[in-house]
Amino acid sequence: MRMDSHISQDLIGVQNLLKKHQALQAEITGHEPRIKAVTQKGETMVEEGHFAGEQVKTKLWELHGRWDTLKAKASQRRQDLEDSLQAQQYFADANEAESWMREKEPIVGSPD
């Protein structure tokens, strides 16, 4: 698990970051049809021999690269947040178990 400074170190914080990230991913998904439409238009212009075809081709290449990078980074961020959530949930559960054991130790150690 790769931890970076943009991931909260507590359960509530991670849950909040994950919610925000889910909203961002929904926004990215919502823009996909627009990106596809722009891509199709550009490809059509290139195929039809538009005078700016080479520039359009370059822009298409840049657009694809940025789109792929954005989706890959969003996917990695989601994985990092899910890993962090799992760890923070474990720590919370382990602390709760530890606390319960500390509470019971005096009872089992007493001679009565």
PDB file of N, CA and C in Angstrom:
ATOM      1  N   MET A   1       0.847  -1.177   0.000  1.00  0.00           N
ATOM      2  CA  MET A   1       0.000   0.000   0.000  1.00  0.00           C
ATOM      3  C   MET A   1       0.892   1.239   0.000  1.00  0.00           C
ATOM      4  N   ARG A   2       0.631   2.131  -0.918  1.00  0.00           N
ATOM      5  CA  ARG A   2       1.394   3.359  -1.044  1.00  0.00           C
ATOM      6  C   ARG A   2       0.628   4.458  -0.313  1.00  0.00           C
ATOM      7  N   MET A   3       1.243   5.023   0.713  1.00  0.00           N
ATOM      8  CA  MET A   3       0.582   6.100   1.447  1.00  0.00           C
ATOM      9  C   MET A   3       1.212   7.418   1.035  1.00  0.00           C
ATOM     10  N   ASP A   4       0.384   8.410   0.774  1.00  0.00           N
ATOM     11  CA  ASP A   4       0.936   9.719   0.475  1.00  0.00           C
ATOM     12  C   ASP A   4       0.321  10.744   1.399  1.00  0.00           C
ATOM     13  N   SER A   5       0.797  11.969   1.313  1.00  0.00           N
ATOM     14  CA  SER A   5       0.380  13.005   2.244  1.00  0.00           C
ATOM     15  C   SER A   5      -1.043  13.467   2.005  1.00  0.00           C
ATOM     16  N   HIS A   6      -1.678  13.032   0.918  1.00  0.00           N
ATOM     17  CA  HIS A   6      -3.032  13.464   0.620  1.00  0.00           C
ATOM     18  C   HIS A   6      -4.077  12.460   1.098  1.00  0.00           C
ATOM     19  N   ILE A   7      -3.662  11.532   1.947  1.00  0.00           N
ATOM     20  CA  ILE A   7      -4.604  10.553   2.472  1.00  0.00           C
ATOM     21  C   ILE A   7      -4.640  10.711   3.987  1.00  0.00           C
ATOM     22  N   SER A   8      -5.832  10.835   4.498  1.00  0.00           N
ATOM     23  CA  SER A   8      -6.044  11.071   5.919  1.00  0.00           C
ATOM     24  C   SER A   8      -5.547   9.896   6.754  1.00  0.00           C
ATOM     25  N   GLN A   9      -5.178  10.201   7.985  1.00  0.00           N
ATOM     26  CA  GLN A   9      -4.659   9.168   8.875  1.00  0.00           C
ATOM     27  C   GLN A   9      -5.698   8.700   9.894  1.00  0.00           C
ATOM     28  N   ASP A  10      -6.992   9.000   9.661  1.00  0.00           N
ATOM     29  CA  ASP A  10      -8.017   8.490  10.565  1.00  0.00           C
ATOM     30  C   ASP A  10      -9.224   8.017   9.757  1.00  0.00           C
ATOM     31  N   LEU A  11     -10.019   7.182  10.380  1.00  0.00           N
ATOM     32  CA  LEU A  11     -11.127   6.512   9.702  1.00  0.00           C
ATOM     33  C   LEU A  11     -12.127   7.498   9.104  1.00  0.00           C
ATOM     34  N   ILE A  12     -12.588   8.470   9.888  1.00  0.00           N
ATOM     35  CA  ILE A  12     -13.582   9.438   9.410  1.00  0.00           C
ATOM     36  C   ILE A  12     -13.003  10.258   8.250  1.00  0.00           C
ATOM     37  N   GLY A  13     -11.762  10.670   8.396  1.00  0.00           N
ATOM     38  CA  GLY A  13     -11.106  11.451   7.339  1.00  0.00           C
ATOM     39  C   GLY A  13     -11.027  10.686   6.028  1.00  0.00           C
ATOM     40  N   VAL A  14     -10.650   9.418   6.108  1.00  0.00           N
ATOM     41  CA  VAL A  14     -10.552   8.590   4.900  1.00  0.00           C
ATOM     42  C   VAL A  14     -11.934   8.395   4.283  1.00  0.00           C
ATOM     43  N   GLN A  15     -12.949   8.152   5.127  1.00  0.00           N
ATOM     44  CA  GLN A  15     -14.307   7.981   4.608  1.00  0.00           C
ATOM     45  C   GLN A  15     -14.767   9.245   3.870  1.00  0.00           C
ATOM     46  N   ASN A  16     -14.453  10.414   4.430  1.00  0.00           N
ATOM     47  CA  ASN A  16     -14.824  11.678   3.779  1.00  0.00           C
ATOM     48  C   ASN A  16     -14.087  11.869   2.455  1.00  0.00           C
ATOM     49  N   LEU A  17     -12.794  11.552   2.440  1.00  0.00           N
ATOM     50  CA  LEU A  17     -12.019  11.664   1.195  1.00  0.00           C
ATOM     51  C   LEU A  17     -12.557  10.708   0.132  1.00  0.00           C
ATOM     52  N   LEU A  18     -12.944   9.519   0.545  1.00  0.00           N
ATOM     53  CA  LEU A  18     -13.477   8.540  -0.406  1.00  0.00           C
ATOM     54  C   LEU A  18     -14.794   9.039  -0.997  1.00  0.00           C
ATOM     55  N   LYS A  19     -15.646   9.639  -0.180  1.00  0.00           N
ATOM     56  CA  LYS A  19     -16.908  10.204  -0.684  1.00  0.00           C
ATOM     57  C   LYS A  19     -16.635  11.302  -1.714  1.00  0.00           C
ATOM     58  N   LYS A  20     -15.696  12.187  -1.397  1.00  0.00           N
ATOM     59  CA  LYS A  20     -15.347  13.263  -2.337  1.00  0.00           C
ATOM     60  C   LYS A  20     -14.805  12.676  -3.637  1.00  0.00           C
ATOM     61  N   HIS A  21     -13.991  11.639  -3.494  1.00  0.00           N
ATOM     62  CA  HIS A  21     -13.401  11.027  -4.688  1.00  0.00           C
ATOM     63  C   HIS A  21     -14.467  10.344  -5.539  1.00  0.00           C
ATOM     64  N   GLN A  22     -15.451   9.730  -4.905  1.00  0.00           N
ATOM     65  CA  GLN A  22     -16.540   9.099  -5.654  1.00  0.00           C
ATOM     66  C   GLN A  22     -17.299  10.146  -6.468  1.00  0.00           C
ATOM     67  N   ALA A  23     -17.481  11.340  -5.901  1.00  0.00           N
ATOM     68  CA  ALA A  23     -18.145  12.427  -6.628  1.00  0.00           C
ATOM     69  C   ALA A  23     -17.282  12.854  -7.828  1.00  0.00           C
ATOM     70  N   LEU A  24     -15.976  12.930  -7.620  1.00  0.00           N
ATOM     71  CA  LEU A  24     -15.064  13.287  -8.713  1.00  0.00           C
ATOM     72  C   LEU A  24     -15.117  12.234  -9.818  1.00  0.00           C
ATOM     73  N   GLN A  25     -15.114  10.969  -9.438  1.00  0.00           N
ATOM     74  CA  GLN A  25     -15.163   9.913 -10.452  1.00  0.00           C
ATOM     75  C   GLN A  25     -16.478   9.954 -11.225  1.00  0.00           C
ATOM     76  N   ALA A  26     -17.566  10.286 -10.547  1.00  0.00           N
ATOM     77  CA  ALA A  26     -18.852  10.418 -11.231  1.00  0.00           C
ATOM     78  C   ALA A  26     -18.787  11.572 -12.238  1.00  0.00           C
ATOM     79  N   GLU A  27     -18.129  12.645 -11.852  1.00  0.00           N
ATOM     80  CA  GLU A  27     -17.975  13.785 -12.761  1.00  0.00           C
ATOM     81  C   GLU A  27     -17.131  13.399 -13.981  1.00  0.00           C
ATOM     82  N   ILE A  28     -16.062  12.666 -13.753  1.00  0.00           N
ATOM     83  CA  ILE A  28     -15.207  12.198 -14.853  1.00  0.00           C
ATOM     84  C   ILE A  28     -16.028  11.320 -15.802  1.00  0.00           C
ATOM     85  N   THR A  29     -16.774  10.383 -15.240  1.00  0.00           N
ATOM     86  CA  THR A  29     -17.615   9.495 -16.046  1.00  0.00           C
ATOM     87  C   THR A  29     -18.647  10.301 -16.826  1.00  0.00           C
ATOM     88  N   GLY A  30     -19.203  11.322 -16.193  1.00  0.00           N
ATOM     89  CA  GLY A  30     -20.193  12.170 -16.845  1.00  0.00           C
ATOM     90  C   GLY A  30     -19.645  12.947 -18.027  1.00  0.00           C
ATOM     91  N   HIS A  31     -18.343  13.223 -18.012  1.00  0.00           N
ATOM     92  CA  HIS A  31     -17.722  13.964 -19.115  1.00  0.00           C
ATOM     93  C   HIS A  31     -17.283  13.067 -20.266  1.00  0.00           C
ATOM     94  N   GLU A  32     -17.297  11.761 -20.050  1.00  0.00           N
ATOM     95  CA  GLU A  32     -16.820  10.839 -21.080  1.00  0.00           C
ATOM     96  C   GLU A  32     -17.543  11.005 -22.422  1.00  0.00           C
ATOM     97  N   PRO A  33     -18.895  11.126 -22.444  1.00  0.00           N
ATOM     98  CA  PRO A  33     -19.570  11.311 -23.742  1.00  0.00           C
ATOM     99  C   PRO A  33     -19.081  12.573 -24.478  1.00  0.00           C
ATOM    100  N   ARG A  34     -18.815  13.635 -23.734  1.00  0.00           N
ATOM    101  CA  ARG A  34     -18.310  14.880 -24.345  1.00  0.00           C
ATOM    102  C   ARG A  34     -16.925  14.654 -24.951  1.00  0.00           C
ATOM    103  N   ILE A  35     -16.081  13.968 -24.235  1.00  0.00           N
ATOM    104  CA  ILE A  35     -14.730  13.676 -24.737  1.00  0.00           C
ATOM    105  C   ILE A  35     -14.829  12.823 -26.004  1.00  0.00           C
ATOM    106  N   LYS A  36     -15.701  11.819 -25.992  1.00  0.00           N
ATOM    107  CA  LYS A  36     -15.876  10.951 -27.169  1.00  0.00           C
ATOM    108  C   LYS A  36     -16.406  11.743 -28.361  1.00  0.00           C
ATOM    109  N   ALA A  37     -17.346  12.658 -28.100  1.00  0.00           N
ATOM    110  CA  ALA A  37     -17.905  13.470 -29.190  1.00  0.00           C
ATOM    111  C   ALA A  37     -16.829  14.366 -29.812  1.00  0.00           C
ATOM    112  N   VAL A  38     -16.020  14.992 -28.972  1.00  0.00           N
ATOM    113  CA  VAL A  38     -14.941  15.859 -29.466  1.00  0.00           C
ATOM    114  C   VAL A  38     -13.937  15.025 -30.263  1.00  0.00           C
ATOM    115  N   THR A  39     -13.643  13.828 -29.760  1.00  0.00           N
ATOM    116  CA  THR A  39     -12.714  12.923 -30.440  1.00  0.00           C
ATOM    117  C   THR A  39     -13.260  12.526 -31.810  1.00  0.00           C
ATOM    118  N   GLN A  40     -14.529  12.133 -31.856  1.00  0.00           N
ATOM    119  CA  GLN A  40     -15.133  11.726 -33.129  1.00  0.00           C
ATOM    120  C   GLN A  40     -15.117  12.874 -34.140  1.00  0.00           C
ATOM    121  N   LYS A  41     -15.445  14.065 -33.685  1.00  0.00           N
ATOM    122  CA  LYS A  41     -15.448  15.223 -34.576  1.00  0.00           C
ATOM    123  C   LYS A  41     -14.052  15.457 -35.151  1.00  0.00           C
ATOM    124  N   GLY A  42     -13.050  15.383 -34.289  1.00  0.00           N
ATOM    125  CA  GLY A  42     -11.669  15.566 -34.738  1.00  0.00           C
ATOM    126  C   GLY A  42     -11.245  14.502 -35.731  1.00  0.00           C
ATOM    127  N   GLU A  43     -11.594  13.253 -35.451  1.00  0.00           N
ATOM    128  CA  GLU A  43     -11.241  12.157 -36.364  1.00  0.00           C
ATOM    129  C   GLU A  43     -11.912  12.345 -37.717  1.00  0.00           C
ATOM    130  N   THR A  44     -13.158  12.781 -37.707  1.00  0.00           N
ATOM    131  CA  THR A  44     -13.886  13.047 -38.960  1.00  0.00           C
ATOM    132  C   THR A  44     -13.192  14.152 -39.746  1.00  0.00           C
ATOM    133  N   MET A  45     -12.780  15.207 -39.050  1.00  0.00           N
ATOM    134  CA  MET A  45     -12.090  16.319 -39.723  1.00  0.00           C
ATOM    135  C   MET A  45     -10.804  15.830 -40.383  1.00  0.00           C
ATOM    136  N   VAL A  46     -10.050  14.978 -39.662  1.00  0.00           N
ATOM    137  CA  VAL A  46      -8.798  14.450 -40.210  1.00  0.00           C
ATOM    138  C   VAL A  46      -9.091  13.573 -41.421  1.00  0.00           C
ATOM    139  N   GLU A  47     -10.081  12.669 -41.297  1.00  0.00           N
ATOM    140  CA  GLU A  47     -10.444  11.761 -42.394  1.00  0.00           C
ATOM    141  C   GLU A  47     -10.907  12.521 -43.637  1.00  0.00           C
ATOM    142  N   GLU A  48     -11.600  13.639 -43.440  1.00  0.00           N
ATOM    143  CA  GLU A  48     -12.119  14.415 -44.562  1.00  0.00           C
ATOM    144  C   GLU A  48     -11.081  15.369 -45.152  1.00  0.00           C
ATOM    145  N   GLY A  49      -9.858  15.292 -44.644  1.00  0.00           N
ATOM    146  CA  GLY A  49      -8.778  16.108 -45.201  1.00  0.00           C
ATOM    147  C   GLY A  49      -8.878  17.590 -44.852  1.00  0.00           C
ATOM    148  N   HIS A  50      -9.382  17.903 -43.689  1.00  0.00           N
ATOM    149  CA  HIS A  50      -9.494  19.296 -43.257  1.00  0.00           C
ATOM    150  C   HIS A  50      -8.119  19.955 -43.317  1.00  0.00           C
ATOM    151  N   PHE A  51      -8.093  21.253 -43.694  1.00  0.00           N
ATOM    152  CA  PHE A  51      -6.807  21.953 -43.842  1.00  0.00           C
ATOM    153  C   PHE A  51      -5.997  21.958 -42.536  1.00  0.00           C
ATOM    154  N   ALA A  52      -6.677  21.882 -41.389  1.00  0.00           N
ATOM    155  CA  ALA A  52      -5.969  21.872 -40.095  1.00  0.00           C
ATOM    156  C   ALA A  52      -5.824  20.448 -39.561  1.00  0.00           C
ATOM    157  N   GLY A  53      -5.910  19.477 -40.454  1.00  0.00           N
ATOM    158  CA  GLY A  53      -5.883  18.068 -40.070  1.00  0.00           C
ATOM    159  C   GLY A  53      -4.720  17.661 -39.195  1.00  0.00           C
ATOM    160  N   GLU A  54      -3.515  18.150 -39.518  1.00  0.00           N
ATOM    161  CA  GLU A  54      -2.331  17.775 -38.724  1.00  0.00           C
ATOM    162  C   GLU A  54      -2.420  18.342 -37.314  1.00  0.00           C
ATOM    163  N   GLN A  55      -2.882  19.573 -37.202  1.00  0.00           N
ATOM    164  CA  GLN A  55      -3.034  20.184 -35.876  1.00  0.00           C
ATOM    165  C   GLN A  55      -4.133  19.464 -35.086  1.00  0.00           C
ATOM    166  N   VAL A  56      -5.189  19.100 -35.778  1.00  0.00           N
ATOM    167  CA  VAL A  56      -6.288  18.377 -35.129  1.00  0.00           C
ATOM    168  C   VAL A  56      -5.777  17.020 -34.643  1.00  0.00           C
ATOM    169  N   LYS A  57      -4.973  16.354 -35.467  1.00  0.00           N
ATOM    170  CA  LYS A  57      -4.409  15.050 -35.103  1.00  0.00           C
ATOM    171  C   LYS A  57      -3.543  15.177 -33.840  1.00  0.00           C
ATOM    172  N   THR A  58      -2.739  16.227 -33.795  1.00  0.00           N
ATOM    173  CA  THR A  58      -1.888  16.476 -32.624  1.00  0.00           C
ATOM    174  C   THR A  58      -2.750  16.716 -31.386  1.00  0.00           C
ATOM    175  N   LYS A  59      -3.786  17.543 -31.549  1.00  0.00           N
ATOM    176  CA  LYS A  59      -4.685  17.842 -30.426  1.00  0.00           C
ATOM    177  C   LYS A  59      -5.396  16.572 -29.952  1.00  0.00           C
ATOM    178  N   LEU A  60      -5.810  15.726 -30.896  1.00  0.00           N
ATOM    179  CA  LEU A  60      -6.457  14.457 -30.537  1.00  0.00           C
ATOM    180  C   LEU A  60      -5.511  13.588 -29.706  1.00  0.00           C
ATOM    181  N   TRP A  61      -4.261  13.531 -30.142  1.00  0.00           N
ATOM    182  CA  TRP A  61      -3.257  12.733 -29.442  1.00  0.00           C
ATOM    183  C   TRP A  61      -3.080  13.258 -28.013  1.00  0.00           C
ATOM    184  N   GLU A  62      -2.994  14.588 -27.869  1.00  0.00           N
ATOM    185  CA  GLU A  62      -2.854  15.202 -26.541  1.00  0.00           C
ATOM    186  C   GLU A  62      -4.086  14.923 -25.678  1.00  0.00           C
ATOM    187  N   LEU A  63      -5.261  15.054 -26.292  1.00  0.00           N
ATOM    188  CA  LEU A  63      -6.515  14.828 -25.582  1.00  0.00           C
ATOM    189  C   LEU A  63      -6.600  13.392 -25.060  1.00  0.00           C
ATOM    190  N   HIS A  64      -6.269  12.435 -25.923  1.00  0.00           N
ATOM    191  CA  HIS A  64      -6.275  11.023 -25.509  1.00  0.00           C
ATOM    192  C   HIS A  64      -5.304  10.790 -24.356  1.00  0.00           C
ATOM    193  N   GLY A  65      -4.117  11.355 -24.483  1.00  0.00           N
ATOM    194  CA  GLY A  65      -3.098  11.178 -23.445  1.00  0.00           C
ATOM    195  C   GLY A  65      -3.543  11.741 -22.102  1.00  0.00           C
ATOM    196  N   ARG A  66      -4.084  12.942 -22.137  1.00  0.00           N
ATOM    197  CA  ARG A  66      -4.539  13.570 -20.888  1.00  0.00           C
ATOM    198  C   ARG A  66      -5.722  12.827 -20.285  1.00  0.00           C
ATOM    199  N   TRP A  67      -6.647  12.396 -21.136  1.00  0.00           N
ATOM    200  CA  TRP A  67      -7.828  11.668 -20.660  1.00  0.00           C
ATOM    201  C   TRP A  67      -7.404  10.359 -20.001  1.00  0.00           C
ATOM    202  N   ASP A  68      -6.509   9.618 -20.669  1.00  0.00           N
ATOM    203  CA  ASP A  68      -6.031   8.350 -20.110  1.00  0.00           C
ATOM    204  C   ASP A  68      -5.295   8.575 -18.791  1.00  0.00           C
ATOM    205  N   THR A  69      -4.482   9.629 -18.736  1.00  0.00           N
ATOM    206  CA  THR A  69      -3.739   9.949 -17.513  1.00  0.00           C
ATOM    207  C   THR A  69      -4.698  10.305 -16.381  1.00  0.00           C
ATOM    208  N   LEU A  70      -5.696  11.123 -16.679  1.00  0.00           N
ATOM    209  CA  LEU A  70      -6.684  11.516 -15.672  1.00  0.00           C
ATOM    210  C   LEU A  70      -7.402  10.292 -15.103  1.00  0.00           C
ATOM    211  N   LYS A  71      -7.849   9.409 -15.992  1.00  0.00           N
ATOM    212  CA  LYS A  71      -8.565   8.213 -15.533  1.00  0.00           C
ATOM    213  C   LYS A  71      -7.645   7.286 -14.728  1.00  0.00           C
ATOM    214  N   ALA A  72      -6.393   7.143 -15.163  1.00  0.00           N
ATOM    215  CA  ALA A  72      -5.444   6.281 -14.440  1.00  0.00           C
ATOM    216  C   ALA A  72      -5.144   6.843 -13.048  1.00  0.00           C
ATOM    217  N   LYS A  73      -4.937   8.161 -12.965  1.00  0.00           N
ATOM    218  CA  LYS A  73      -4.654   8.778 -11.665  1.00  0.00           C
ATOM    219  C   LYS A  73      -5.868   8.676 -10.741  1.00  0.00           C
ATOM    220  N   ALA A  74      -7.060   8.855 -11.281  1.00  0.00           N
ATOM    221  CA  ALA A  74      -8.278   8.739 -10.477  1.00  0.00           C
ATOM    222  C   ALA A  74      -8.437   7.315  -9.964  1.00  0.00           C
ATOM    223  N   SER A  75      -8.128   6.347 -10.808  1.00  0.00           N
ATOM    224  CA  SER A  75      -8.225   4.948 -10.421  1.00  0.00           C
ATOM    225  C   SER A  75      -7.208   4.617  -9.319  1.00  0.00           C
ATOM    226  N   GLN A  76      -5.975   5.119  -9.464  1.00  0.00           N
ATOM    227  CA  GLN A  76      -4.933   4.876  -8.461  1.00  0.00           C
ATOM    228  C   GLN A  76      -5.315   5.540  -7.135  1.00  0.00           C
ATOM    229  N   ARG A  77      -5.842   6.743  -7.216  1.00  0.00           N
ATOM    230  CA  ARG A  77      -6.262   7.472  -6.006  1.00  0.00           C
ATOM    231  C   ARG A  77      -7.356   6.683  -5.283  1.00  0.00           C
ATOM    232  N   ARG A  78      -8.305   6.170  -6.045  1.00  0.00           N
ATOM    233  CA  ARG A  78      -9.382   5.371  -5.437  1.00  0.00           C
ATOM    234  C   ARG A  78      -8.796   4.147  -4.733  1.00  0.00           C
ATOM    235  N   GLN A  79      -7.861   3.469  -5.392  1.00  0.00           N
ATOM    236  CA  GLN A  79      -7.238   2.288  -4.790  1.00  0.00           C
ATOM    237  C   GLN A  79      -6.498   2.666  -3.509  1.00  0.00           C
ATOM    238  N   ASP A  80      -5.757   3.783  -3.537  1.00  0.00           N
ATOM    239  CA  ASP A  80      -5.026   4.241  -2.347  1.00  0.00           C
ATOM    240  C   ASP A  80      -5.992   4.536  -1.200  1.00  0.00           C
ATOM    241  N   LEU A  81      -7.108   5.202  -1.528  1.00  0.00           N
ATOM    242  CA  LEU A  81      -8.097   5.533  -0.503  1.00  0.00           C
ATOM    243  C   LEU A  81      -8.758   4.273   0.056  1.00  0.00           C
ATOM    244  N   GLU A  82      -9.067   3.320  -0.813  1.00  0.00           N
ATOM    245  CA  GLU A  82      -9.678   2.068  -0.339  1.00  0.00           C
ATOM    246  C   GLU A  82      -8.707   1.282   0.542  1.00  0.00           C
ATOM    247  N   ASP A  83      -7.425   1.271   0.163  1.00  0.00           N
ATOM    248  CA  ASP A  83      -6.401   0.607   0.989  1.00  0.00           C
ATOM    249  C   ASP A  83      -6.298   1.294   2.346  1.00  0.00           C
ATOM    250  N   SER A  84      -6.300   2.618   2.333  1.00  0.00           N
ATOM    251  CA  SER A  84      -6.210   3.384   3.570  1.00  0.00           C
ATOM    252  C   SER A  84      -7.434   3.150   4.447  1.00  0.00           C
ATOM    253  N   LEU A  85      -8.608   3.107   3.820  1.00  0.00           N
ATOM    254  CA  LEU A  85      -9.843   2.842   4.566  1.00  0.00           C
ATOM    255  C   LEU A  85      -9.762   1.480   5.251  1.00  0.00           C
ATOM    256  N   GLN A  86      -9.295   0.492   4.519  1.00  0.00           N
ATOM    257  CA  GLN A  86      -9.162  -0.856   5.081  1.00  0.00           C
ATOM    258  C   GLN A  86      -8.217  -0.843   6.292  1.00  0.00           C
ATOM    259  N   ALA A  87      -7.090  -0.157   6.157  1.00  0.00           N
ATOM    260  CA  ALA A  87      -6.118  -0.077   7.253  1.00  0.00           C
ATOM    261  C   ALA A  87      -6.709   0.656   8.457  1.00  0.00           C
ATOM    262  N   GLN A  88      -7.352   1.799   8.212  1.00  0.00           N
ATOM    263  CA  GLN A  88      -7.919   2.571   9.318  1.00  0.00           C
ATOM    264  C   GLN A  88      -9.044   1.806  10.016  1.00  0.00           C
ATOM    265  N   GLN A  89      -9.839   1.052   9.256  1.00  0.00           N
ATOM    266  CA  GLN A  89     -10.895   0.235   9.856  1.00  0.00           C
ATOM    267  C   GLN A  89     -10.275  -0.844  10.737  1.00  0.00           C
ATOM    268  N   TYR A  90      -9.186  -1.455  10.227  1.00  0.00           N
ATOM    269  CA  TYR A  90      -8.493  -2.481  11.015  1.00  0.00           C
ATOM    270  C   TYR A  90      -7.966  -1.885  12.319  1.00  0.00           C
ATOM    271  N   PHE A  91      -7.313  -0.719  12.232  1.00  0.00           N
ATOM    272  CA  PHE A  91      -6.752  -0.086  13.432  1.00  0.00           C
ATOM    273  C   PHE A  91      -7.861   0.239  14.441  1.00  0.00           C
ATOM    274  N   ALA A  92      -8.992   0.718  13.966  1.00  0.00           N
ATOM    275  CA  ALA A  92     -10.117   1.035  14.850  1.00  0.00           C
ATOM    276  C   ALA A  92     -10.629  -0.241  15.528  1.00  0.00           C
ATOM    277  N   ASP A  93     -10.772  -1.314  14.750  1.00  0.00           N
ATOM    278  CA  ASP A  93     -11.237  -2.591  15.310  1.00  0.00           C
ATOM    279  C   ASP A  93     -10.230  -3.152  16.318  1.00  0.00           C
ATOM    280  N   ALA A  94      -8.939  -3.080  15.982  1.00  0.00           N
ATOM    281  CA  ALA A  94      -7.896  -3.601  16.871  1.00  0.00           C
ATOM    282  C   ALA A  94      -7.856  -2.792  18.165  1.00  0.00           C
ATOM    283  N   ASN A  95      -7.986  -1.470  18.081  1.00  0.00           N
ATOM    284  CA  ASN A  95      -7.988  -0.627  19.278  1.00  0.00           C
ATOM    285  C   ASN A  95      -9.186  -0.943  20.165  1.00  0.00           C
ATOM    286  N   GLU A  96     -10.317  -1.198  19.542  1.00  0.00           N
ATOM    287  CA  GLU A  96     -11.525  -1.547  20.296  1.00  0.00           C
ATOM    288  C   GLU A  96     -11.327  -2.880  21.027  1.00  0.00           C
ATOM    289  N   ALA A  97     -10.748  -3.856  20.352  1.00  0.00           N
ATOM    290  CA  ALA A  97     -10.490  -5.164  20.959  1.00  0.00           C
ATOM    291  C   ALA A  97      -9.492  -5.032  22.109  1.00  0.00           C
ATOM    292  N   GLU A  98      -8.464  -4.231  21.897  1.00  0.00           N
ATOM    293  CA  GLU A  98      -7.443  -4.006  22.909  1.00  0.00           C
ATOM    294  C   GLU A  98      -8.051  -3.351  24.154  1.00  0.00           C
ATOM    295  N   SER A  99      -8.881  -2.374  23.920  1.00  0.00           N
ATOM    296  CA  SER A  99      -9.552  -1.664  25.009  1.00  0.00           C
ATOM    297  C   SER A  99     -10.433  -2.627  25.819  1.00  0.00           C
ATOM    298  N   TRP A 100     -11.169  -3.479  25.112  1.00  0.00           N
ATOM    299  CA  TRP A 100     -12.025  -4.455  25.775  1.00  0.00           C
ATOM    300  C   TRP A 100     -11.189  -5.400  26.647  1.00  0.00           C
ATOM    301  N   MET A 101     -10.034  -5.845  26.107  1.00  0.00           N
ATOM    302  CA  MET A 101      -9.159  -6.761  26.860  1.00  0.00           C
ATOM    303  C   MET A 101      -8.606  -6.083  28.111  1.00  0.00           C
ATOM    304  N   ARG A 102      -8.201  -4.809  27.981  1.00  0.00           N
ATOM    305  CA  ARG A 102      -7.690  -4.066  29.142  1.00  0.00           C
ATOM    306  C   ARG A 102      -8.764  -3.954  30.227  1.00  0.00           C
ATOM    307  N   GLU A 103     -10.004  -3.782  29.778  1.00  0.00           N
ATOM    308  CA  GLU A 103     -11.140  -3.677  30.701  1.00  0.00           C
ATOM    309  C   GLU A 103     -11.352  -4.996  31.453  1.00  0.00           C
ATOM    310  N   LYS A 104     -11.117  -6.127  30.801  1.00  0.00           N
ATOM    311  CA  LYS A 104     -11.389  -7.445  31.397  1.00  0.00           C
ATOM    312  C   LYS A 104     -10.217  -7.980  32.211  1.00  0.00           C
ATOM    313  N   GLU A 105      -8.994  -7.488  31.978  1.00  0.00           N
ATOM    314  CA  GLU A 105      -7.808  -7.991  32.677  1.00  0.00           C
ATOM    315  C   GLU A 105      -7.944  -7.925  34.195  1.00  0.00           C
ATOM    316  N   PRO A 106      -8.379  -6.801  34.756  1.00  0.00           N
ATOM    317  CA  PRO A 106      -8.484  -6.745  36.227  1.00  0.00           C
ATOM    318  C   PRO A 106      -9.482  -7.763  36.766  1.00  0.00           C
ATOM    319  N   ILE A 107     -10.535  -8.036  36.008  1.00  0.00           N
ATOM    320  CA  ILE A 107     -11.564  -8.979  36.456  1.00  0.00           C
ATOM    321  C   ILE A 107     -10.996 -10.393  36.529  1.00  0.00           C
ATOM    322  N   VAL A 108     -10.292 -10.809  35.491  1.00  0.00           N
ATOM    323  CA  VAL A 108      -9.734 -12.176  35.498  1.00  0.00           C
ATOM    324  C   VAL A 108      -8.526 -12.300  36.413  1.00  0.00           C
ATOM    325  N   GLY A 109      -7.899 -11.180  36.739  1.00  0.00           N
ATOM    326  CA  GLY A 109      -6.725 -11.209  37.622  1.00  0.00           C
ATOM    327  C   GLY A 109      -7.088 -11.132  39.102  1.00  0.00           C
ATOM    328  N   SER A 110      -8.336 -10.864  39.405  1.00  0.00           N
ATOM    329  CA  SER A 110      -8.705 -10.688  40.817  1.00  0.00           C
ATOM    330  C   SER A 110      -8.981 -12.037  41.471  1.00  0.00           C
ATOM    331  N   PRO A 111      -8.619 -12.180  42.737  1.00  0.00           N
ATOM    332  CA  PRO A 111      -8.806 -13.452  43.418  1.00  0.00           C
ATOM    333  C   PRO A 111     -10.262 -13.764  43.762  1.00  0.00           C
ATOM    334  N   ASP A 112     -11.162 -12.790  43.725  1.00  0.00           N
ATOM    335  CA  ASP A 112     -12.551 -13.041  44.119  1.00  0.00           C
ATOM    336  C   ASP A 112     -13.254 -13.936  43.139  1.00  0.00           C
TER     337      ASP A 112
END
